[in-house]
Protein backbone atom coordinates (compact mmCIF):
# COMPACT_ATOMS: atom_id res chain seq x y z
CA MET A 1 0.00 0.00 0.00
CA GLU A 2 2.88 2.36 0.80
CA ALA A 3 4.43 1.73 -2.63
CA LEU A 4 1.09 2.41 -4.33
CA TYR A 5 0.72 5.67 -2.41
CA LYS A 6 4.17 6.80 -3.56
CA GLU A 7 3.24 6.02 -7.19
CA ILE A 8 0.10 8.16 -6.89
CA VAL A 9 2.11 11.05 -5.38
CA LEU A 10 4.60 10.86 -8.27
CA LEU A 11 1.73 10.78 -10.78
CA VAL A 12 0.14 13.87 -9.25
CA ASP A 13 3.48 15.72 -9.28
CA GLU A 14 4.04 14.80 -12.93
CA TYR A 15 0.62 16.00 -14.14
CA PRO A 16 -0.29 19.49 -12.85
CA LEU A 17 -3.97 19.09 -13.76
CA LEU A 18 -4.25 16.26 -11.28
CA LYS A 19 -2.67 18.45 -8.64
CA GLN A 20 -4.98 21.36 -9.47
CA TYR A 21 -8.30 19.49 -9.66
CA GLY A 22 -7.50 16.41 -7.65
CA ILE A 23 -7.74 12.77 -8.54
CA TYR A 24 -11.54 12.78 -8.16
CA GLY A 25 -11.84 15.45 -10.81
CA ALA A 26 -9.66 13.38 -13.10
CA ILE A 27 -11.83 10.33 -12.54
CA ALA A 28 -14.95 12.39 -13.27
CA GLY A 29 -13.40 13.72 -16.45
CA SER A 30 -12.44 10.23 -17.54
CA LEU A 31 -15.98 9.00 -16.96
CA ILE A 32 -17.41 11.86 -19.01
CA LEU A 33 -14.98 11.12 -21.83
CA TYR A 34 -15.77 7.40 -21.65
CA THR A 35 -19.54 8.04 -21.70
CA ALA A 36 -19.26 10.40 -24.66
CA SER A 37 -17.10 7.96 -26.59
CA LEU A 38 -19.44 5.07 -25.85
CA SER A 39 -22.46 7.12 -26.92
CA ILE A 40 -20.81 8.03 -30.22
CA TYR A 41 -19.96 4.38 -30.82
CA ARG A 42 -23.52 3.25 -30.10
CA LEU A 43 -25.05 5.92 -32.31
CA TYR A 44 -22.74 5.71 -35.32
CA PHE A 45 -20.51 2.61 -35.27
CA HIS A 46 -22.51 -0.15 -33.55
CA PRO A 47 -23.57 -2.98 -35.94
CA LEU A 48 -27.21 -1.90 -35.47
CA ALA A 49 -26.56 1.84 -35.76
CA GLY A 50 -28.27 1.91 -39.16
CA PHE A 51 -31.60 0.83 -37.69
CA PRO A 52 -34.01 3.65 -36.86
CA GLY A 53 -35.10 4.41 -33.34
CA PRO A 54 -35.00 7.11 -30.66
CA LYS A 55 -31.40 8.16 -30.09
CA ILE A 56 -31.63 8.32 -26.33
CA ALA A 57 -32.96 4.76 -26.20
CA ALA A 58 -30.06 3.58 -28.37
CA VAL A 59 -27.54 5.24 -26.05
CA THR A 60 -28.73 4.28 -22.57
CA ARG A 61 -30.85 1.71 -20.80
CA TRP A 62 -32.04 4.38 -18.34
CA TYR A 63 -34.73 5.16 -20.91
CA GLU A 64 -36.38 1.79 -20.38
CA PHE A 65 -35.67 1.85 -16.64
CA TYR A 66 -37.55 5.15 -16.36
CA TYR A 67 -40.72 3.86 -18.04
CA ASP A 68 -40.53 0.40 -16.44
CA VAL A 69 -39.67 1.26 -12.85
CA ILE A 70 -40.26 4.98 -12.25
CA LYS A 71 -43.43 5.24 -14.38
CA ARG A 72 -44.53 1.75 -13.25
CA GLY A 73 -44.94 -0.55 -16.22
CA GLN A 74 -45.54 2.00 -18.99
CA TYR A 75 -42.77 1.05 -21.42
CA VAL A 76 -45.00 -1.16 -23.57
CA TYR A 77 -47.12 1.92 -24.32
CA LYS A 78 -44.02 3.99 -25.08
CA ILE A 79 -42.93 1.32 -27.55
CA GLU A 80 -46.37 1.50 -29.13
CA GLU A 81 -45.82 5.24 -29.62
CA MET A 82 -42.57 4.35 -31.39
CA HIS A 83 -44.46 1.92 -33.61
CA GLN A 84 -46.85 4.72 -34.54
CA LYS A 85 -43.85 6.86 -35.49
CA TYR A 86 -41.72 4.26 -37.29
CA GLY A 87 -44.48 1.96 -38.59
CA LYS A 88 -43.35 -1.57 -39.45
CA VAL A 89 -39.72 -0.46 -39.66
CA PRO A 90 -37.62 -2.36 -37.08
CA PHE A 91 -36.16 0.01 -34.52
CA HIS A 92 -33.57 -0.58 -31.86
CA PHE A 93 -32.92 0.55 -28.34
CA ARG A 94 -30.53 -0.35 -25.60
CA VAL A 95 -31.59 -2.65 -22.83
CA TYR A 96 -29.32 -4.10 -20.23
CA ILE A 97 -29.17 -5.06 -16.63
CA LEU A 98 -28.19 -2.53 -14.01
CA LEU A 99 -24.90 -3.20 -12.18
CA TYR A 100 -23.84 -5.68 -14.87
CA PHE A 101 -20.46 -4.58 -16.19
CA PRO A 102 -20.11 -6.06 -19.72
CA PHE A 103 -21.42 -3.92 -22.58
CA PRO A 104 -25.13 -4.41 -23.12
CA ARG A 105 -26.72 -5.69 -26.28
CA THR A 106 -29.15 -3.69 -28.35
CA THR A 107 -32.54 -5.27 -28.94
CA ILE A 108 -34.62 -4.95 -32.10
CA VAL A 109 -38.39 -4.46 -31.94
CA ILE A 110 -40.53 -5.14 -35.01
CA ASN A 111 -44.25 -4.55 -35.45
CA ASP A 112 -45.11 -6.76 -38.41
CA PRO A 113 -47.26 -9.84 -37.76
CA GLU A 114 -46.12 -11.38 -41.05
CA PHE A 115 -42.62 -11.63 -39.57
CA TYR A 116 -43.75 -13.12 -36.25
CA ASN A 117 -43.27 -16.75 -37.29
CA SER A 118 -39.75 -15.93 -38.49
CA VAL A 119 -38.78 -14.81 -34.98
CA TYR A 120 -40.73 -17.36 -32.94
CA VAL A 121 -39.91 -20.56 -34.81
CA ALA A 122 -40.34 -24.27 -34.13
CA GLY A 123 -37.38 -26.16 -32.71
CA ASN A 124 -36.76 -28.10 -35.93
CA THR A 125 -36.50 -24.88 -37.99
CA ARG A 126 -33.41 -23.44 -36.31
CA ARG A 127 -31.91 -23.00 -32.90
CA THR A 128 -33.48 -20.29 -30.77
CA THR A 129 -32.26 -18.94 -27.47
CA ILE A 130 -33.64 -16.39 -25.06
CA TRP A 131 -31.84 -13.27 -23.98
CA PRO A 132 -30.93 -14.21 -20.41
CA ARG A 133 -30.36 -10.64 -19.26
CA TYR A 134 -33.95 -9.81 -20.15
CA ARG A 135 -35.14 -12.39 -17.63
CA THR A 136 -32.29 -12.23 -15.16
CA GLY A 137 -33.40 -11.23 -11.71
CA ILE A 138 -36.87 -12.73 -11.61
CA GLY A 139 -35.61 -15.69 -9.62
CA PHE A 140 -36.51 -18.59 -11.93
CA ASP A 141 -33.06 -19.46 -13.32
CA GLY A 142 -32.77 -23.17 -14.08
CA SER A 143 -36.41 -23.61 -15.05
CA HIS A 144 -37.08 -24.70 -18.63
CA THR A 145 -38.58 -21.30 -19.45
CA MET A 146 -35.44 -19.44 -18.37
CA THR A 147 -32.94 -21.85 -19.96
CA GLU A 148 -30.86 -20.05 -22.56
CA ASN A 149 -29.26 -23.01 -24.36
CA HIS A 150 -31.51 -24.40 -27.11
CA GLU A 151 -30.70 -28.09 -26.56
CA LEU A 152 -30.82 -27.91 -22.76
CA HIS A 153 -34.16 -26.12 -22.97
CA ARG A 154 -35.58 -28.99 -25.06
CA ARG A 155 -34.27 -31.59 -22.60
CA ARG A 156 -35.78 -29.79 -19.63
CA ARG A 157 -39.11 -29.19 -21.33
CA LYS A 158 -39.57 -32.70 -22.74
CA PRO A 159 -40.55 -34.54 -19.50
CA LEU A 160 -43.15 -31.83 -18.75
CA GLU A 161 -44.89 -31.99 -22.13
CA PRO A 162 -46.87 -35.24 -21.62
CA PHE A 163 -48.89 -33.56 -18.88
CA PHE A 164 -49.73 -30.49 -20.98
CA SER A 165 -50.29 -32.09 -24.38
CA ARG A 166 -53.83 -32.57 -25.69
CA MET A 167 -53.70 -36.23 -24.70
CA GLY A 168 -52.38 -35.34 -21.26
CA ILE A 169 -55.10 -32.77 -20.63
CA ASP A 170 -57.77 -35.21 -21.83
CA LYS A 171 -56.54 -37.60 -19.13
CA MET A 172 -56.77 -34.78 -16.59
CA GLU A 173 -60.29 -33.78 -17.63
CA PRO A 174 -62.10 -35.68 -14.83
CA MET A 175 -59.98 -33.78 -12.31
CA ILE A 176 -60.69 -30.44 -14.03
CA ILE A 177 -64.43 -31.25 -14.03
CA GLU A 178 -64.22 -32.10 -10.33
CA GLU A 179 -62.67 -28.71 -9.62
CA ALA A 180 -65.26 -26.95 -11.82
CA LYS A 181 -68.08 -28.64 -9.89
CA LEU A 182 -66.46 -27.56 -6.64
CA LEU A 183 -66.33 -24.02 -8.05
CA ASN A 184 -70.08 -24.19 -8.65
CA ASP A 185 -70.75 -25.67 -5.20
CA ARG A 186 -68.76 -22.98 -3.39
CA LEU A 187 -70.47 -20.17 -5.30
CA THR A 188 -73.89 -21.76 -4.71
CA GLU A 189 -73.17 -21.86 -0.95
CA LEU A 190 -72.86 -18.07 -1.03
CA LYS A 191 -76.13 -17.59 -2.91
CA GLY A 192 -78.31 -15.05 -1.11
CA SER A 193 -75.72 -14.44 1.61
CA GLY A 194 -75.08 -10.83 0.58
CA ASN A 195 -71.34 -11.48 0.74
CA VAL A 196 -69.18 -9.63 -1.76
CA VAL A 197 -66.96 -12.10 -3.61
CA ARG A 198 -63.82 -11.21 -5.53
CA LEU A 199 -63.63 -13.32 -8.68
CA ASP A 200 -59.86 -12.88 -8.92
CA HIS A 201 -59.60 -14.70 -5.58
CA VAL A 202 -62.07 -17.37 -6.73
CA PHE A 203 -60.29 -18.03 -10.02
CA SER A 204 -56.85 -17.95 -8.40
CA ALA A 205 -58.06 -20.75 -6.14
CA PHE A 206 -59.58 -22.68 -9.05
CA ALA A 207 -56.55 -22.40 -11.34
CA GLY A 208 -54.14 -22.83 -8.44
CA ASP A 209 -55.82 -26.05 -7.33
CA VAL A 210 -55.83 -27.45 -10.87
CA ILE A 211 -52.12 -26.80 -11.48
CA GLY A 212 -51.41 -27.91 -7.92
CA ARG A 213 -53.11 -31.27 -8.46
CA ILE A 214 -51.16 -31.77 -11.68
CA CYS A 215 -47.80 -30.85 -10.18
CA CYS A 216 -47.89 -31.85 -6.52
CA GLU A 217 -48.32 -34.86 -4.31
CA SER A 218 -50.13 -32.64 -1.77
CA PRO A 219 -52.33 -30.16 -3.68
CA PRO A 220 -53.27 -26.91 -1.90
CA ASP A 221 -57.13 -27.24 -1.82
CA MET A 222 -57.71 -23.47 -1.93
CA MET A 223 -61.28 -23.81 -3.24
CA ASN A 224 -62.39 -24.94 0.21
CA ASN A 225 -60.82 -21.93 1.90
CA PRO A 226 -63.44 -19.43 3.15
CA GLU A 227 -61.64 -16.65 1.27
CA PHE A 228 -60.81 -18.87 -1.72
CA GLY A 229 -57.34 -18.04 -3.06
CA LYS A 230 -56.94 -14.58 -1.52
CA GLU A 231 -53.48 -15.20 -0.07
CA TRP A 232 -52.33 -17.04 -3.19
CA HIS A 233 -53.57 -14.23 -5.44
CA ASN A 234 -51.93 -11.56 -3.27
CA LEU A 235 -48.65 -13.48 -3.19
CA ILE A 236 -48.46 -13.87 -6.97
CA GLU A 237 -49.58 -10.32 -7.73
CA GLY A 238 -47.13 -8.98 -5.16
CA ILE A 239 -44.32 -10.80 -6.96
CA VAL A 240 -45.53 -9.62 -10.38
CA ARG A 241 -45.43 -6.00 -9.19
CA GLN A 242 -41.73 -6.38 -8.35
CA LEU A 243 -40.63 -8.19 -11.51
CA LEU A 244 -39.42 -5.18 -13.49
CA LEU A 245 -37.41 -3.77 -10.60
CA PHE A 246 -35.73 -7.13 -10.05
CA MET A 247 -35.17 -7.56 -13.77
CA HIS A 248 -33.30 -4.26 -13.91
CA ILE A 249 -31.49 -4.86 -10.60
CA PRO A 250 -31.12 -8.67 -10.40
CA GLN A 251 -28.91 -8.49 -7.32
CA LEU A 252 -32.02 -7.64 -5.29
CA VAL A 253 -33.38 -11.18 -5.65
CA THR A 254 -30.10 -12.66 -4.42
CA LEU A 255 -30.02 -10.18 -1.56
CA ALA A 256 -33.63 -10.91 -0.63
CA SER A 257 -32.90 -14.65 -0.45
CA MET A 258 -30.23 -13.98 2.19
CA ILE A 259 -32.54 -12.03 4.51
CA PRO A 260 -34.88 -13.86 6.92
CA THR A 261 -38.40 -13.88 5.50
CA GLY A 262 -39.99 -12.59 8.72
CA PHE A 263 -37.81 -9.49 8.73
CA LEU A 264 -38.21 -8.96 5.00
CA LEU A 265 -42.00 -9.12 5.31
CA ARG A 266 -41.83 -6.12 7.64
CA VAL A 267 -39.41 -3.98 5.63
CA TYR A 268 -40.16 -5.00 2.02
CA PRO A 269 -43.20 -7.28 1.58
CA GLY A 270 -42.80 -7.40 -2.22
CA ALA A 271 -39.35 -8.94 -2.01
CA ALA A 272 -40.45 -11.29 0.78
CA GLY A 273 -42.98 -12.78 -1.63
CA PHE A 274 -40.16 -14.35 -3.61
CA ASN A 275 -38.89 -16.09 -0.47
CA VAL A 276 -42.34 -17.38 0.47
CA PHE A 277 -42.95 -18.58 -3.09
CA ARG A 278 -39.59 -20.36 -3.19
CA GLN A 279 -40.22 -22.05 0.16
CA LEU A 280 -43.64 -23.32 -0.99
CA ALA A 281 -42.18 -24.69 -4.21
CA THR A 282 -39.26 -26.32 -2.42
CA LYS A 283 -41.62 -28.03 0.02
CA HIS A 284 -43.57 -29.60 -2.86
CA ILE A 285 -40.38 -30.89 -4.49
CA ILE A 286 -39.17 -32.40 -1.21
CA ASP A 287 -42.59 -34.05 -0.74
CA ALA A 288 -42.38 -35.53 -4.25
CA LYS A 289 -38.92 -36.92 -3.53
CA GLN A 290 -40.02 -38.43 -0.22
CA ASP A 291 -43.03 -40.06 -1.90
CA ASN A 292 -40.68 -41.59 -4.42
CA LEU A 293 -38.66 -43.73 -2.03
CA SER A 294 -39.72 -46.87 -3.92
CA LYS A 295 -37.69 -45.63 -6.91
CA GLN A 296 -40.28 -47.09 -9.25
CA LYS A 297 -40.75 -45.37 -12.59
CA VAL A 298 -43.99 -43.40 -12.78
CA GLU A 299 -46.12 -43.00 -15.90
CA ALA A 300 -47.35 -39.60 -17.04
CA ASN A 301 -51.06 -39.82 -16.23
CA ALA A 302 -53.74 -38.33 -14.03
CA LYS A 303 -52.64 -40.45 -11.05
CA SER A 304 -49.07 -39.15 -10.98
CA SER A 305 -47.72 -35.67 -10.39
CA VAL A 306 -45.45 -33.79 -12.76
CA PHE A 307 -42.52 -33.71 -10.39
CA ARG A 308 -42.74 -37.29 -9.22
CA TYR A 309 -42.73 -38.26 -12.91
CA VAL A 310 -39.71 -36.03 -13.60
CA ILE A 311 -37.81 -37.42 -10.62
CA THR A 312 -38.32 -41.01 -11.82
CA SER A 313 -37.73 -40.20 -15.48
CA GLU A 314 -34.47 -40.64 -17.36
CA MET A 315 -33.43 -37.07 -16.64
CA PRO A 316 -29.83 -36.88 -15.32
CA LYS A 317 -29.53 -36.53 -11.56
CA SER A 318 -27.98 -33.11 -12.08
CA GLU A 319 -31.31 -31.99 -13.57
CA CYS A 320 -33.35 -33.30 -10.64
CA GLY A 321 -31.82 -31.23 -7.87
CA THR A 322 -34.25 -29.72 -5.39
CA GLU A 323 -33.17 -26.14 -6.17
CA ARG A 324 -33.67 -26.44 -9.93
CA LEU A 325 -36.97 -28.30 -9.66
CA SER A 326 -38.27 -25.83 -7.10
CA ARG A 327 -37.71 -23.05 -9.64
CA GLU A 328 -39.48 -25.15 -12.25
CA ALA A 329 -42.35 -25.48 -9.80
CA MET A 330 -42.44 -21.72 -9.23
CA VAL A 331 -42.82 -21.16 -12.98
CA LEU A 332 -45.60 -23.74 -13.35
CA PHE A 333 -47.50 -22.57 -10.25
CA GLY A 334 -47.26 -18.89 -11.16
CA ALA A 335 -47.91 -19.16 -14.90
CA GLY A 336 -50.57 -21.82 -14.32
CA THR A 337 -52.51 -19.48 -12.06
CA ALA A 338 -52.00 -15.84 -13.04
CA THR A 339 -52.94 -15.71 -16.73
CA THR A 340 -55.87 -18.12 -16.41
CA ALA A 341 -57.38 -16.43 -13.37
CA ARG A 342 -56.93 -12.94 -14.79
CA THR A 343 -58.53 -13.85 -18.13
CA MET A 344 -61.56 -15.51 -16.53
CA GLY A 345 -62.21 -12.51 -14.29
CA PHE A 346 -61.84 -10.26 -17.32
CA MET A 347 -64.40 -12.26 -19.34
CA CYS A 348 -66.87 -12.42 -16.47
CA TYR A 349 -66.93 -8.65 -16.16
CA TYR A 350 -68.07 -8.20 -19.75
CA ILE A 351 -70.55 -11.08 -19.59
CA LEU A 352 -72.11 -9.56 -16.47
CA THR A 353 -72.31 -6.04 -17.92
CA ASP A 354 -74.11 -7.14 -21.07
CA PRO A 355 -77.46 -8.95 -20.54
CA GLN A 356 -77.61 -9.96 -24.22
CA MET A 357 -74.16 -11.52 -24.02
CA ARG A 358 -75.12 -13.44 -20.89
CA GLN A 359 -78.41 -14.59 -22.44
CA ARG A 360 -76.73 -15.72 -25.66
CA LEU A 361 -74.13 -17.72 -23.74
CA GLY A 362 -76.83 -19.32 -21.58
CA GLU A 363 -78.85 -20.30 -24.65
CA GLU A 364 -75.80 -21.93 -26.21
CA LEU A 365 -75.06 -23.88 -23.02
CA LYS A 366 -78.69 -24.95 -22.46
CA ASP A 367 -78.60 -28.28 -24.26
CA VAL A 368 -75.03 -29.36 -23.60
CA MET A 369 -75.28 -28.60 -19.85
CA ALA A 370 -78.88 -29.79 -19.40
CA GLY A 371 -77.83 -32.88 -17.44
CA TYR A 372 -75.53 -31.04 -15.01
CA PRO A 373 -74.24 -32.28 -12.59
CA HIS A 374 -75.06 -35.90 -13.44
CA THR A 375 -74.44 -35.95 -17.18
CA LEU A 376 -71.64 -33.75 -18.44
CA PRO A 377 -70.23 -32.91 -21.85
CA THR A 378 -66.60 -33.42 -22.74
CA TRP A 379 -64.16 -30.59 -23.29
CA GLN A 380 -64.25 -31.52 -26.97
CA GLN A 381 -68.02 -30.89 -27.02
CA LEU A 382 -67.61 -27.54 -25.27
CA GLU A 383 -65.04 -26.52 -27.88
CA GLN A 384 -67.72 -26.90 -30.56
CA LEU A 385 -69.81 -24.10 -29.04
CA PRO A 386 -68.99 -21.10 -31.25
CA TYR A 387 -70.07 -18.31 -28.91
CA LEU A 388 -68.26 -19.76 -25.88
CA GLN A 389 -65.16 -20.17 -28.02
CA ALA A 390 -65.50 -16.58 -29.25
CA LEU A 391 -65.80 -15.27 -25.69
CA ILE A 392 -62.63 -17.07 -24.63
CA LYS A 393 -60.64 -15.96 -27.66
CA GLU A 394 -61.71 -12.35 -27.18
CA GLY A 395 -60.89 -12.58 -23.48
CA LEU A 396 -57.40 -13.83 -24.26
CA ARG A 397 -56.96 -11.17 -26.92
CA LEU A 398 -57.59 -8.28 -24.53
CA SER A 399 -55.90 -9.81 -21.49
CA TYR A 400 -52.87 -10.44 -23.73
CA GLY A 401 -51.18 -13.31 -21.86
CA VAL A 402 -47.75 -11.68 -21.69
CA MET A 403 -48.17 -8.11 -22.86
CA ARG A 404 -44.65 -7.03 -23.81
CA ARG A 405 -42.08 -8.27 -26.29
CA LEU A 406 -40.39 -11.59 -25.53
CA PRO A 407 -36.94 -11.29 -27.16
CA ARG A 408 -35.63 -14.29 -29.07
CA ILE A 409 -32.12 -14.78 -30.41
CA SER A 410 -31.04 -16.64 -33.53
CA PRO A 411 -27.52 -17.57 -32.37
CA ASP A 412 -26.28 -19.14 -35.61
CA ILE A 413 -27.76 -17.29 -38.57
CA PRO A 414 -28.82 -13.68 -39.22
CA LEU A 415 -32.48 -12.80 -39.66
CA VAL A 416 -33.47 -10.93 -42.79
CA TYR A 417 -36.40 -8.53 -42.59
CA LYS A 418 -37.04 -6.78 -45.89
CA GLN A 419 -33.92 -4.71 -46.62
CA TRP A 420 -32.52 -5.11 -43.09
CA VAL A 421 -30.13 -7.84 -42.01
CA ILE A 422 -30.27 -8.46 -38.27
CA PRO A 423 -26.95 -9.98 -37.13
CA ALA A 424 -26.94 -13.41 -35.49
CA GLY A 425 -27.03 -13.11 -31.72
CA THR A 426 -29.26 -10.01 -31.70
CA PRO A 427 -32.36 -10.13 -29.46
CA VAL A 428 -35.50 -9.54 -31.53
CA GLY A 429 -38.93 -9.11 -29.98
CA MET A 430 -42.56 -8.52 -30.89
CA ALA A 431 -45.30 -7.63 -28.41
CA ALA A 432 -48.71 -9.30 -28.12
CA TYR A 433 -50.09 -5.89 -27.16
CA SER A 434 -49.24 -4.44 -30.58
CA LEU A 435 -50.54 -7.45 -32.49
CA HIS A 436 -53.75 -7.78 -30.46
CA THR A 437 -54.72 -4.12 -30.83
CA ASP A 438 -54.01 -3.60 -34.53
CA PRO A 439 -57.09 -1.68 -35.77
CA LYS A 440 -56.60 -2.96 -39.33
CA VAL A 441 -57.11 -6.50 -38.06
CA TYR A 442 -59.44 -5.88 -35.10
CA PRO A 443 -61.75 -2.89 -35.72
CA GLU A 444 -62.39 -1.03 -32.46
CA PRO A 445 -59.52 -3.04 -30.97
CA PHE A 446 -60.04 -2.06 -27.32
CA LYS A 447 -63.71 -3.08 -27.27
CA PHE A 448 -64.70 -6.54 -26.05
CA ILE A 449 -66.60 -7.89 -29.07
CA PRO A 450 -66.74 -11.71 -29.12
CA GLU A 451 -68.94 -11.59 -32.22
CA ARG A 452 -65.85 -10.63 -34.25
CA TRP A 453 -64.77 -14.30 -33.97
CA LEU A 454 -68.01 -15.71 -35.42
CA GLY A 455 -68.75 -16.63 -39.03
CA ASN A 456 -66.27 -15.98 -41.82
CA TYR A 457 -64.00 -13.58 -40.00
CA ASN A 458 -60.70 -12.11 -41.17
CA ALA A 459 -58.02 -14.84 -41.18
CA ASP A 460 -55.46 -12.27 -40.04
CA MET A 461 -57.18 -12.29 -36.65
CA ASN A 462 -55.79 -15.75 -35.96
CA ARG A 463 -52.41 -14.73 -37.36
CA ASN A 464 -52.19 -11.82 -34.89
CA TRP A 465 -53.60 -13.77 -31.96
CA VAL A 466 -50.59 -14.81 -29.84
CA PRO A 467 -51.58 -14.83 -26.14
CA PHE A 468 -49.37 -17.86 -25.51
CA SER A 469 -46.57 -16.86 -27.91
CA ARG A 470 -45.40 -19.36 -30.55
CA GLY A 471 -42.41 -21.43 -31.50
CA SER A 472 -40.23 -23.80 -29.53
CA ARG A 473 -40.50 -21.67 -26.38
CA ASN A 474 -44.24 -21.07 -26.28
CA CYS A 475 -46.42 -22.05 -23.34
CA LEU A 476 -46.47 -25.76 -22.52
CA GLY A 477 -49.14 -27.64 -24.46
CA MET A 478 -49.59 -25.05 -27.18
CA LYS A 479 -49.36 -25.82 -30.89
CA LEU A 480 -49.32 -23.53 -33.90
CA THR A 481 -52.24 -25.18 -35.66
CA LYS A 482 -54.62 -25.90 -32.79
CA ILE A 483 -55.01 -24.62 -29.29
CA ASN A 484 -54.28 -27.42 -26.84
CA SER A 485 -53.90 -25.78 -23.48
CA LEU A 486 -54.61 -26.49 -19.85
CA ALA A 487 -55.66 -22.85 -19.47
CA TYR A 488 -58.09 -23.23 -22.35
CA ALA A 489 -59.69 -26.34 -20.80
CA GLU A 490 -60.08 -24.58 -17.44
CA MET A 491 -61.73 -21.57 -19.05
CA TYR A 492 -64.21 -23.70 -20.99
CA TRP A 493 -65.29 -25.61 -17.92
CA ALA A 494 -65.45 -22.64 -15.54
CA MET A 495 -67.53 -20.54 -17.94
CA ALA A 496 -69.81 -23.48 -18.79
CA VAL A 497 -70.52 -24.22 -15.13
CA MET A 498 -71.00 -20.61 -14.07
CA PHE A 499 -73.24 -19.44 -16.93
CA ARG A 500 -75.30 -22.53 -17.65
CA PRO A 501 -79.09 -22.22 -17.20
CA ASN A 502 -80.19 -22.67 -13.57
CA ALA A 503 -76.78 -21.59 -12.27
CA PRO A 504 -76.64 -18.96 -9.50
CA ARG A 505 -77.15 -15.43 -10.77
CA PHE A 506 -74.17 -13.11 -10.42
CA GLU A 507 -74.27 -9.32 -10.22
CA LEU A 508 -71.33 -6.94 -10.31
CA PHE A 509 -70.62 -5.00 -7.13
CA GLU A 510 -68.90 -1.60 -7.38
CA THR A 511 -66.78 -2.71 -10.33
CA ASP A 512 -66.13 -0.77 -13.51
CA GLU A 513 -64.03 -1.33 -16.61
CA SER A 514 -60.95 0.32 -15.09
CA ASP A 515 -60.87 -2.46 -12.49
CA ILE A 516 -60.22 -5.10 -15.12
CA SER A 517 -58.70 -3.50 -18.24
CA GLN A 518 -54.94 -3.90 -18.47
CA SER A 519 -53.13 -0.61 -17.86
CA VAL A 520 -49.70 -1.53 -16.48
CA ASP A 521 -47.18 -4.06 -17.76
CA PHE A 522 -45.01 -5.85 -15.20
CA LEU A 523 -44.10 -8.65 -17.66
CA MET A 524 -47.63 -9.81 -16.81
CA PRO A 525 -50.27 -7.12 -17.42
CA LEU A 526 -52.36 -5.77 -14.57
CA PRO A 527 -55.22 -3.26 -14.28
CA LYS A 528 -54.83 -0.06 -12.30
CA LEU A 529 -52.79 -0.67 -9.16
CA ASP A 530 -55.62 0.19 -6.74
CA SER A 531 -58.12 -2.12 -8.44
CA ASN A 532 -60.28 -4.36 -6.28
CA GLY A 533 -60.78 -6.82 -9.11
CA THR A 534 -64.11 -8.11 -10.39
CA ARG A 535 -66.44 -8.12 -7.37
CA ILE A 536 -69.84 -9.80 -7.38
CA THR A 537 -72.80 -10.72 -5.24
CA ILE A 538 -74.59 -14.04 -5.77
CA HIS A 539 -78.37 -14.48 -6.00
């Protein structure tokens, strides 16, 4: 240290400016020079410098940080403004993770549905990776969804697919029907009570119990809770509200995991939610491992759980560690609850505000649900009901699934969009929000109009409809040609049970459109932050 001090003294003596302004001034000057040089490089010499886009967004990631974190989930709307300015031209801006030293990558955003299937491709078309920095910090590293490597992603996803394929969901249908009947029974119990019921809590319990029974040896049984899934809903939404902050500052998740949950709940409840969620997921994985002491191989069917099947599968032991599988469980529990519950509450609001819509749905369900609860249709029969299908598709269109762009990387070959060549390794994203609200495809795009999906409608509507994304990294159980989804099955059964003839009558309670329409984007879209959800009374 003494030798270093002498070197600094000699340096100061040699350069008068250092003596005059001090070493801190020199450091500040160096940083200014470095920032200016880096900005010039990014604007004029970067490989993507020729792409249009706002200059400030190309220079610094603080632009996105401001709209994501300070303005609370408004960047998706800012990008839409850019689309209005630049049209279908791909534009670029700088996105990178705070406190991460290596130079960030620039991401390309395109608003052209005809190019969507060139970005989100099937696994046999070419290798596709995710941009890990875009998802770093949300605490799910090691899950199949967050796996960057193309081949490793396929290996991790493969043992999960039998449960979420069409055949797998058909096997689960008796369980889904059982949960739907319990949904009806619980709502019927409250008939005439005068109690105000929050449908987001009800549907969080319903969807949470379904995914819980598929994944766990000891499912949660939230439908029998007096408040349904209130705590589960609050836990997931609390995490969702923190996602963008943790994405920009990923060290916060690591820091939160080191702090006792009890203390964290008092000082920062949002961060504590991650700890609680992780502990719940870890418990289910440990239970699955303890129930597997026989070491017998388990078949993928309605009598086995996802994680017991994975543990007894041919997956390498390194892939079956408790930590990795607990993060896989967190993804399945969260994704299996949030989107489904939110979309069902969204649909119910519009059904309950429009007597003609409710009557038309009831008329369509009259014959197929006439024998309820003794004789029930199959999911396949419910899918043939055009108005019910239209309601669900319109609900998914305006609840978006994941609202913002999901960047994909072609690591081996460049992507060519019209006259632009996008270098290999560049993150490219397209947002469901932009595609789902294109007025040329969906007239009056922000209005809930299920009738737009009836008859000979515009084929571009299906092209633009991407609530579950597409390609090799889409939601489990989804296919490009036909919708085969656990979420879809749950929605069909819940809506059929709730709005069949002779079902309890539901009325909205102090709920308006602002309570359900998506207005903030925290990776998952949410309505206004002080919303009380879709509230009803039952008669």
